[in-house]
Amino acid sequence: MVDVSQIKEHAEVVGSDGAHVGTVDHVDAGQIKLTKTDKDAGGLHHYIPVDFVQAVEGGQVRLDRSAEEAKREWSTS
């Protein structure tokens, strides 16, 4: 399990394939809220479970699935 306190605001979130998923707004109630101003957000906040996080290193949050998979599974509420 990753130490959630290491996930910082404005950190880039990337899939296991290294592709961009989003930018961290903040972490709340076991979910990472992504900024709605990110280029891939379409003007909406998206949420991904912290359980998707494989590692936090070098200012990036790396997920345990590809960016495409993460985007299929994210929610907007």
PDB file of N, CA and C in Angstrom:
ATOM      1  N   MET A   1       0.849  -1.190   0.000  1.00  0.00           N
ATOM      2  CA  MET A   1       0.000   0.000   0.000  1.00  0.00           C
ATOM      3  C   MET A   1       0.891   1.248   0.000  1.00  0.00           C
ATOM      4  N   VAL A   2       0.518   2.180  -0.806  1.00  0.00           N
ATOM      5  CA  VAL A   2       1.267   3.420  -0.947  1.00  0.00           C
ATOM      6  C   VAL A   2       0.882   4.380   0.168  1.00  0.00           C
ATOM      7  N   ASP A   3       1.839   5.162   0.653  1.00  0.00           N
ATOM      8  CA  ASP A   3       1.578   6.195   1.645  1.00  0.00           C
ATOM      9  C   ASP A   3       0.885   7.361   0.944  1.00  0.00           C
ATOM     10  N   VAL A   4      -0.416   7.499   1.169  1.00  0.00           N
ATOM     11  CA  VAL A   4      -1.235   8.503   0.491  1.00  0.00           C
ATOM     12  C   VAL A   4      -0.734   9.923   0.760  1.00  0.00           C
ATOM     13  N   SER A   5      -0.092  10.139   1.887  1.00  0.00           N
ATOM     14  CA  SER A   5       0.411  11.484   2.206  1.00  0.00           C
ATOM     15  C   SER A   5       1.512  11.924   1.239  1.00  0.00           C
ATOM     16  N   GLN A   6       2.079  10.985   0.476  1.00  0.00           N
ATOM     17  CA  GLN A   6       3.107  11.326  -0.511  1.00  0.00           C
ATOM     18  C   GLN A   6       2.512  11.897  -1.803  1.00  0.00           C
ATOM     19  N   ILE A   7       1.205  11.745  -1.985  1.00  0.00           N
ATOM     20  CA  ILE A   7       0.547  12.248  -3.192  1.00  0.00           C
ATOM     21  C   ILE A   7       0.302  13.739  -3.007  1.00  0.00           C
ATOM     22  N   LYS A   8       0.967  14.543  -3.802  1.00  0.00           N
ATOM     23  CA  LYS A   8       0.933  15.996  -3.650  1.00  0.00           C
ATOM     24  C   LYS A   8       0.080  16.667  -4.720  1.00  0.00           C
ATOM     25  N   GLU A   9      -0.485  17.801  -4.348  1.00  0.00           N
ATOM     26  CA  GLU A   9      -1.255  18.620  -5.271  1.00  0.00           C
ATOM     27  C   GLU A   9      -0.396  18.986  -6.480  1.00  0.00           C
ATOM     28  N   HIS A  10      -0.982  18.931  -7.649  1.00  0.00           N
ATOM     29  CA  HIS A  10      -0.353  19.254  -8.940  1.00  0.00           C
ATOM     30  C   HIS A  10       0.636  18.208  -9.430  1.00  0.00           C
ATOM     31  N   ALA A  11       0.713  17.041  -8.745  1.00  0.00           N
ATOM     32  CA  ALA A  11       1.561  15.961  -9.247  1.00  0.00           C
ATOM     33  C   ALA A  11       0.914  15.370 -10.499  1.00  0.00           C
ATOM     34  N   GLU A  12       1.746  14.960 -11.441  1.00  0.00           N
ATOM     35  CA  GLU A  12       1.234  14.314 -12.644  1.00  0.00           C
ATOM     36  C   GLU A  12       0.867  12.868 -12.317  1.00  0.00           C
ATOM     37  N   VAL A  13      -0.260  12.417 -12.844  1.00  0.00           N
ATOM     38  CA  VAL A  13      -0.687  11.031 -12.702  1.00  0.00           C
ATOM     39  C   VAL A  13      -0.463  10.354 -14.052  1.00  0.00           C
ATOM     40  N   VAL A  14       0.277   9.236 -14.036  1.00  0.00           N
ATOM     41  CA  VAL A  14       0.577   8.508 -15.271  1.00  0.00           C
ATOM     42  C   VAL A  14       0.181   7.051 -15.117  1.00  0.00           C
ATOM     43  N   GLY A  15      -0.171   6.442 -16.245  1.00  0.00           N
ATOM     44  CA  GLY A  15      -0.499   5.030 -16.254  1.00  0.00           C
ATOM     45  C   GLY A  15       0.756   4.175 -16.190  1.00  0.00           C
ATOM     46  N   SER A  16       0.561   2.867 -16.092  1.00  0.00           N
ATOM     47  CA  SER A  16       1.699   1.945 -16.059  1.00  0.00           C
ATOM     48  C   SER A  16       2.478   1.984 -17.365  1.00  0.00           C
ATOM     49  N   ASP A  17       1.848   2.509 -18.412  1.00  0.00           N
ATOM     50  CA  ASP A  17       2.494   2.654 -19.717  1.00  0.00           C
ATOM     51  C   ASP A  17       3.234   3.986 -19.851  1.00  0.00           C
ATOM     52  N   GLY A  18       3.203   4.806 -18.793  1.00  0.00           N
ATOM     53  CA  GLY A  18       3.890   6.100 -18.807  1.00  0.00           C
ATOM     54  C   GLY A  18       3.076   7.220 -19.434  1.00  0.00           C
ATOM     55  N   ALA A  19       1.877   6.919 -19.929  1.00  0.00           N
ATOM     56  CA  ALA A  19       1.029   7.932 -20.573  1.00  0.00           C
ATOM     57  C   ALA A  19       0.305   8.773 -19.522  1.00  0.00           C
ATOM     58  N   HIS A  20       0.104  10.025 -19.852  1.00  0.00           N
ATOM     59  CA  HIS A  20      -0.533  10.995 -18.963  1.00  0.00           C
ATOM     60  C   HIS A  20      -2.004  10.634 -18.717  1.00  0.00           C
ATOM     61  N   VAL A  21      -2.416  10.674 -17.434  1.00  0.00           N
ATOM     62  CA  VAL A  21      -3.811  10.447 -17.057  1.00  0.00           C
ATOM     63  C   VAL A  21      -4.440  11.757 -16.602  1.00  0.00           C
ATOM     64  N   GLY A  22      -3.709  12.501 -15.772  1.00  0.00           N
ATOM     65  CA  GLY A  22      -4.257  13.742 -15.241  1.00  0.00           C
ATOM     66  C   GLY A  22      -3.297  14.399 -14.280  1.00  0.00           C
ATOM     67  N   THR A  23      -3.813  15.402 -13.565  1.00  0.00           N
ATOM     68  CA  THR A  23      -3.048  16.161 -12.588  1.00  0.00           C
ATOM     69  C   THR A  23      -3.821  16.155 -11.279  1.00  0.00           C
ATOM     70  N   VAL A  24      -3.139  15.878 -10.176  1.00  0.00           N
ATOM     71  CA  VAL A  24      -3.780  15.798  -8.863  1.00  0.00           C
ATOM     72  C   VAL A  24      -4.303  17.161  -8.431  1.00  0.00           C
ATOM     73  N   ASP A  25      -5.577  17.198  -8.057  1.00  0.00           N
ATOM     74  CA  ASP A  25      -6.158  18.357  -7.382  1.00  0.00           C
ATOM     75  C   ASP A  25      -5.952  18.145  -5.882  1.00  0.00           C
ATOM     76  N   HIS A  26      -6.501  17.045  -5.358  1.00  0.00           N
ATOM     77  CA  HIS A  26      -6.249  16.647  -3.969  1.00  0.00           C
ATOM     78  C   HIS A  26      -6.725  15.217  -3.747  1.00  0.00           C
ATOM     79  N   VAL A  27      -6.417  14.681  -2.563  1.00  0.00           N
ATOM     80  CA  VAL A  27      -6.841  13.335  -2.179  1.00  0.00           C
ATOM     81  C   VAL A  27      -7.879  13.472  -1.083  1.00  0.00           C
ATOM     82  N   ASP A  28      -8.987  12.739  -1.235  1.00  0.00           N
ATOM     83  CA  ASP A  28     -10.051  12.812  -0.243  1.00  0.00           C
ATOM     84  C   ASP A  28     -10.823  11.502  -0.225  1.00  0.00           C
ATOM     85  N   ALA A  29     -11.049  10.978   0.955  1.00  0.00           N
ATOM     86  CA  ALA A  29     -11.884   9.784   1.152  1.00  0.00           C
ATOM     87  C   ALA A  29     -11.474   8.620   0.253  1.00  0.00           C
ATOM     88  N   GLY A  30     -10.180   8.363   0.157  1.00  0.00           N
ATOM     89  CA  GLY A  30      -9.703   7.221  -0.611  1.00  0.00           C
ATOM     90  C   GLY A  30      -9.709   7.398  -2.109  1.00  0.00           C
ATOM     91  N   GLN A  31      -9.892   8.639  -2.571  1.00  0.00           N
ATOM     92  CA  GLN A  31      -9.892   8.901  -4.006  1.00  0.00           C
ATOM     93  C   GLN A  31      -8.980  10.078  -4.332  1.00  0.00           C
ATOM     94  N   ILE A  32      -8.400  10.016  -5.519  1.00  0.00           N
ATOM     95  CA  ILE A  32      -7.616  11.137  -6.031  1.00  0.00           C
ATOM     96  C   ILE A  32      -8.532  11.933  -6.944  1.00  0.00           C
ATOM     97  N   LYS A  33      -8.707  13.196  -6.607  1.00  0.00           N
ATOM     98  CA  LYS A  33      -9.493  14.098  -7.452  1.00  0.00           C
ATOM     99  C   LYS A  33      -8.523  14.760  -8.416  1.00  0.00           C
ATOM    100  N   LEU A  34      -8.815  14.640  -9.705  1.00  0.00           N
ATOM    101  CA  LEU A  34      -7.958  15.230 -10.727  1.00  0.00           C
ATOM    102  C   LEU A  34      -8.486  16.610 -11.111  1.00  0.00           C
ATOM    103  N   THR A  35      -7.585  17.506 -11.474  1.00  0.00           N
ATOM    104  CA  THR A  35      -7.993  18.861 -11.838  1.00  0.00           C
ATOM    105  C   THR A  35      -8.851  18.857 -13.094  1.00  0.00           C
ATOM    106  N   LYS A  36      -9.825  19.745 -13.130  1.00  0.00           N
ATOM    107  CA  LYS A  36     -10.689  19.837 -14.312  1.00  0.00           C
ATOM    108  C   LYS A  36     -10.055  20.668 -15.412  1.00  0.00           C
ATOM    109  N   THR A  37      -8.963  21.367 -15.097  1.00  0.00           N
ATOM    110  CA  THR A  37      -8.283  22.194 -16.098  1.00  0.00           C
ATOM    111  C   THR A  37      -7.203  21.422 -16.852  1.00  0.00           C
ATOM    112  N   ASP A  38      -6.997  20.162 -16.493  1.00  0.00           N
ATOM    113  CA  ASP A  38      -6.013  19.329 -17.197  1.00  0.00           C
ATOM    114  C   ASP A  38      -6.441  19.127 -18.646  1.00  0.00           C
ATOM    115  N   LYS A  39      -5.482  18.992 -19.532  1.00  0.00           N
ATOM    116  CA  LYS A  39      -5.767  18.867 -20.966  1.00  0.00           C
ATOM    117  C   LYS A  39      -6.638  17.660 -21.305  1.00  0.00           C
ATOM    118  N   ASP A  40      -6.619  16.614 -20.501  1.00  0.00           N
ATOM    119  CA  ASP A  40      -7.405  15.406 -20.776  1.00  0.00           C
ATOM    120  C   ASP A  40      -8.718  15.345 -19.998  1.00  0.00           C
ATOM    121  N   ALA A  41      -9.030  16.387 -19.216  1.00  0.00           N
ATOM    122  CA  ALA A  41     -10.174  16.331 -18.305  1.00  0.00           C
ATOM    123  C   ALA A  41     -11.503  16.727 -18.936  1.00  0.00           C
ATOM    124  N   GLY A  42     -11.474  17.424 -20.040  1.00  0.00           N
ATOM    125  CA  GLY A  42     -12.721  17.842 -20.670  1.00  0.00           C
ATOM    126  C   GLY A  42     -13.539  18.790 -19.820  1.00  0.00           C
ATOM    127  N   GLY A  43     -12.867  19.544 -18.945  1.00  0.00           N
ATOM    128  CA  GLY A  43     -13.562  20.517 -18.095  1.00  0.00           C
ATOM    129  C   GLY A  43     -14.251  19.922 -16.888  1.00  0.00           C
ATOM    130  N   LEU A  44     -14.015  18.634 -16.604  1.00  0.00           N
ATOM    131  CA  LEU A  44     -14.650  17.961 -15.463  1.00  0.00           C
ATOM    132  C   LEU A  44     -13.599  17.440 -14.496  1.00  0.00           C
ATOM    133  N   HIS A  45     -13.954  17.416 -13.211  1.00  0.00           N
ATOM    134  CA  HIS A  45     -13.109  16.717 -12.242  1.00  0.00           C
ATOM    135  C   HIS A  45     -13.347  15.219 -12.433  1.00  0.00           C
ATOM    136  N   HIS A  46     -12.290  14.444 -12.401  1.00  0.00           N
ATOM    137  CA  HIS A  46     -12.394  12.986 -12.457  1.00  0.00           C
ATOM    138  C   HIS A  46     -11.781  12.429 -11.179  1.00  0.00           C
ATOM    139  N   TYR A  47     -12.253  11.273 -10.766  1.00  0.00           N
ATOM    140  CA  TYR A  47     -11.810  10.636  -9.531  1.00  0.00           C
ATOM    141  C   TYR A  47     -11.312   9.233  -9.829  1.00  0.00           C
ATOM    142  N   ILE A  48     -10.173   8.899  -9.231  1.00  0.00           N
ATOM    143  CA  ILE A  48      -9.652   7.536  -9.330  1.00  0.00           C
ATOM    144  C   ILE A  48      -9.326   7.051  -7.920  1.00  0.00           C
ATOM    145  N   PRO A  49      -9.594   5.783  -7.634  1.00  0.00           N
ATOM    146  CA  PRO A  49      -9.304   5.247  -6.302  1.00  0.00           C
ATOM    147  C   PRO A  49      -7.799   5.237  -6.020  1.00  0.00           C
ATOM    148  N   VAL A  50      -7.429   5.515  -4.787  1.00  0.00           N
ATOM    149  CA  VAL A  50      -6.006   5.445  -4.429  1.00  0.00           C
ATOM    150  C   VAL A  50      -5.489   4.016  -4.557  1.00  0.00           C
ATOM    151  N   ASP A  51      -6.393   3.043  -4.592  1.00  0.00           N
ATOM    152  CA  ASP A  51      -5.991   1.644  -4.779  1.00  0.00           C
ATOM    153  C   ASP A  51      -5.325   1.420  -6.134  1.00  0.00           C
ATOM    154  N   PHE A  52      -5.543   2.316  -7.094  1.00  0.00           N
ATOM    155  CA  PHE A  52      -4.914   2.211  -8.414  1.00  0.00           C
ATOM    156  C   PHE A  52      -3.427   2.584  -8.360  1.00  0.00           C
ATOM    157  N   VAL A  53      -2.997   3.258  -7.298  1.00  0.00           N
ATOM    158  CA  VAL A  53      -1.635   3.799  -7.234  1.00  0.00           C
ATOM    159  C   VAL A  53      -0.635   2.689  -6.930  1.00  0.00           C
ATOM    160  N   GLN A  54       0.354   2.581  -7.812  1.00  0.00           N
ATOM    161  CA  GLN A  54       1.421   1.600  -7.625  1.00  0.00           C
ATOM    162  C   GLN A  54       2.608   2.240  -6.909  1.00  0.00           C
ATOM    163  N   ALA A  55       2.915   3.507  -7.250  1.00  0.00           N
ATOM    164  CA  ALA A  55       4.071   4.178  -6.656  1.00  0.00           C
ATOM    165  C   ALA A  55       3.917   5.687  -6.782  1.00  0.00           C
ATOM    166  N   VAL A  56       4.591   6.372  -5.881  1.00  0.00           N
ATOM    167  CA  VAL A  56       4.701   7.833  -5.942  1.00  0.00           C
ATOM    168  C   VAL A  56       6.189   8.130  -5.899  1.00  0.00           C
ATOM    169  N   GLU A  57       6.707   8.671  -7.022  1.00  0.00           N
ATOM    170  CA  GLU A  57       8.143   8.939  -7.079  1.00  0.00           C
ATOM    171  C   GLU A  57       8.436  10.013  -8.116  1.00  0.00           C
ATOM    172  N   GLY A  58       9.418  10.819  -7.826  1.00  0.00           N
ATOM    173  CA  GLY A  58       9.852  11.847  -8.764  1.00  0.00           C
ATOM    174  C   GLY A  58       8.767  12.833  -9.146  1.00  0.00           C
ATOM    175  N   GLY A  59       7.850  13.121  -8.221  1.00  0.00           N
ATOM    176  CA  GLY A  59       6.781  14.066  -8.512  1.00  0.00           C
ATOM    177  C   GLY A  59       5.656  13.503  -9.351  1.00  0.00           C
ATOM    178  N   GLN A  60       5.662  12.187  -9.565  1.00  0.00           N
ATOM    179  CA  GLN A  60       4.618  11.524 -10.345  1.00  0.00           C
ATOM    180  C   GLN A  60       3.898  10.480  -9.515  1.00  0.00           C
ATOM    181  N   VAL A  61       2.631  10.315  -9.827  1.00  0.00           N
ATOM    182  CA  VAL A  61       1.829   9.236  -9.260  1.00  0.00           C
ATOM    183  C   VAL A  61       1.673   8.210 -10.379  1.00  0.00           C
ATOM    184  N   ARG A  62       2.250   7.020 -10.176  1.00  0.00           N
ATOM    185  CA  ARG A  62       2.208   5.978 -11.214  1.00  0.00           C
ATOM    186  C   ARG A  62       1.133   4.955 -10.828  1.00  0.00           C
ATOM    187  N   LEU A  63       0.265   4.657 -11.786  1.00  0.00           N
ATOM    188  CA  LEU A  63      -0.837   3.734 -11.547  1.00  0.00           C
ATOM    189  C   LEU A  63      -0.466   2.304 -11.912  1.00  0.00           C
ATOM    190  N   ASP A  64      -1.278   1.363 -11.449  1.00  0.00           N
ATOM    191  CA  ASP A  64      -1.037  -0.061 -11.721  1.00  0.00           C
ATOM    192  C   ASP A  64      -1.726  -0.541 -12.990  1.00  0.00           C
ATOM    193  N   ARG A  65      -2.260   0.388 -13.767  1.00  0.00           N
ATOM    194  CA  ARG A  65      -2.933   0.076 -15.029  1.00  0.00           C
ATOM    195  C   ARG A  65      -2.601   1.143 -16.051  1.00  0.00           C
ATOM    196  N   SER A  66      -2.840   0.848 -17.300  1.00  0.00           N
ATOM    197  CA  SER A  66      -2.507   1.812 -18.345  1.00  0.00           C
ATOM    198  C   SER A  66      -3.386   3.058 -18.226  1.00  0.00           C
ATOM    199  N   ALA A  67      -2.952   4.135 -18.862  1.00  0.00           N
ATOM    200  CA  ALA A  67      -3.719   5.376 -18.848  1.00  0.00           C
ATOM    201  C   ALA A  67      -5.105   5.142 -19.445  1.00  0.00           C
ATOM    202  N   GLU A  68      -5.173   4.390 -20.526  1.00  0.00           N
ATOM    203  CA  GLU A  68      -6.460   4.110 -21.175  1.00  0.00           C
ATOM    204  C   GLU A  68      -7.402   3.367 -20.236  1.00  0.00           C
ATOM    205  N   GLU A  69      -6.876   2.372 -19.525  1.00  0.00           N
ATOM    206  CA  GLU A  69      -7.701   1.623 -18.565  1.00  0.00           C
ATOM    207  C   GLU A  69      -8.188   2.533 -17.441  1.00  0.00           C
ATOM    208  N   ALA A  70      -7.290   3.353 -16.910  1.00  0.00           N
ATOM    209  CA  ALA A  70      -7.652   4.271 -15.816  1.00  0.00           C
ATOM    210  C   ALA A  70      -8.751   5.228 -16.258  1.00  0.00           C
ATOM    211  N   LYS A  71      -8.665   5.739 -17.468  1.00  0.00           N
ATOM    212  CA  LYS A  71      -9.674   6.678 -17.974  1.00  0.00           C
ATOM    213  C   LYS A  71     -11.018   5.984 -18.201  1.00  0.00           C
ATOM    214  N   ARG A  72     -10.989   4.704 -18.544  1.00  0.00           N
ATOM    215  CA  ARG A  72     -12.253   3.955 -18.681  1.00  0.00           C
ATOM    216  C   ARG A  72     -12.925   3.775 -17.332  1.00  0.00           C
ATOM    217  N   GLU A  73     -12.103   3.698 -16.269  1.00  0.00           N
ATOM    218  CA  GLU A  73     -12.626   3.385 -14.942  1.00  0.00           C
ATOM    219  C   GLU A  73     -12.822   4.602 -14.043  1.00  0.00           C
ATOM    220  N   TRP A  74     -12.336   5.796 -14.447  1.00  0.00           N
ATOM    221  CA  TRP A  74     -12.499   6.950 -13.556  1.00  0.00           C
ATOM    222  C   TRP A  74     -13.961   7.359 -13.500  1.00  0.00           C
ATOM    223  N   SER A  75     -14.315   8.124 -12.469  1.00  0.00           N
ATOM    224  CA  SER A  75     -15.683   8.612 -12.346  1.00  0.00           C
ATOM    225  C   SER A  75     -15.664  10.131 -12.260  1.00  0.00           C
ATOM    226  N   THR A  76     -16.836  10.733 -12.429  1.00  0.00           N
ATOM    227  CA  THR A  76     -16.942  12.182 -12.321  1.00  0.00           C
ATOM    228  C   THR A  76     -17.725  12.593 -11.084  1.00  0.00           C
ATOM    229  N   SER A  77     -17.965  11.648 -10.181  1.00  0.00           N
ATOM    230  CA  SER A  77     -18.665  11.992  -8.931  1.00  0.00           C
ATOM    231  C   SER A  77     -18.128  11.178  -7.777  1.00  0.00           C
TER     232      SER A  77
END
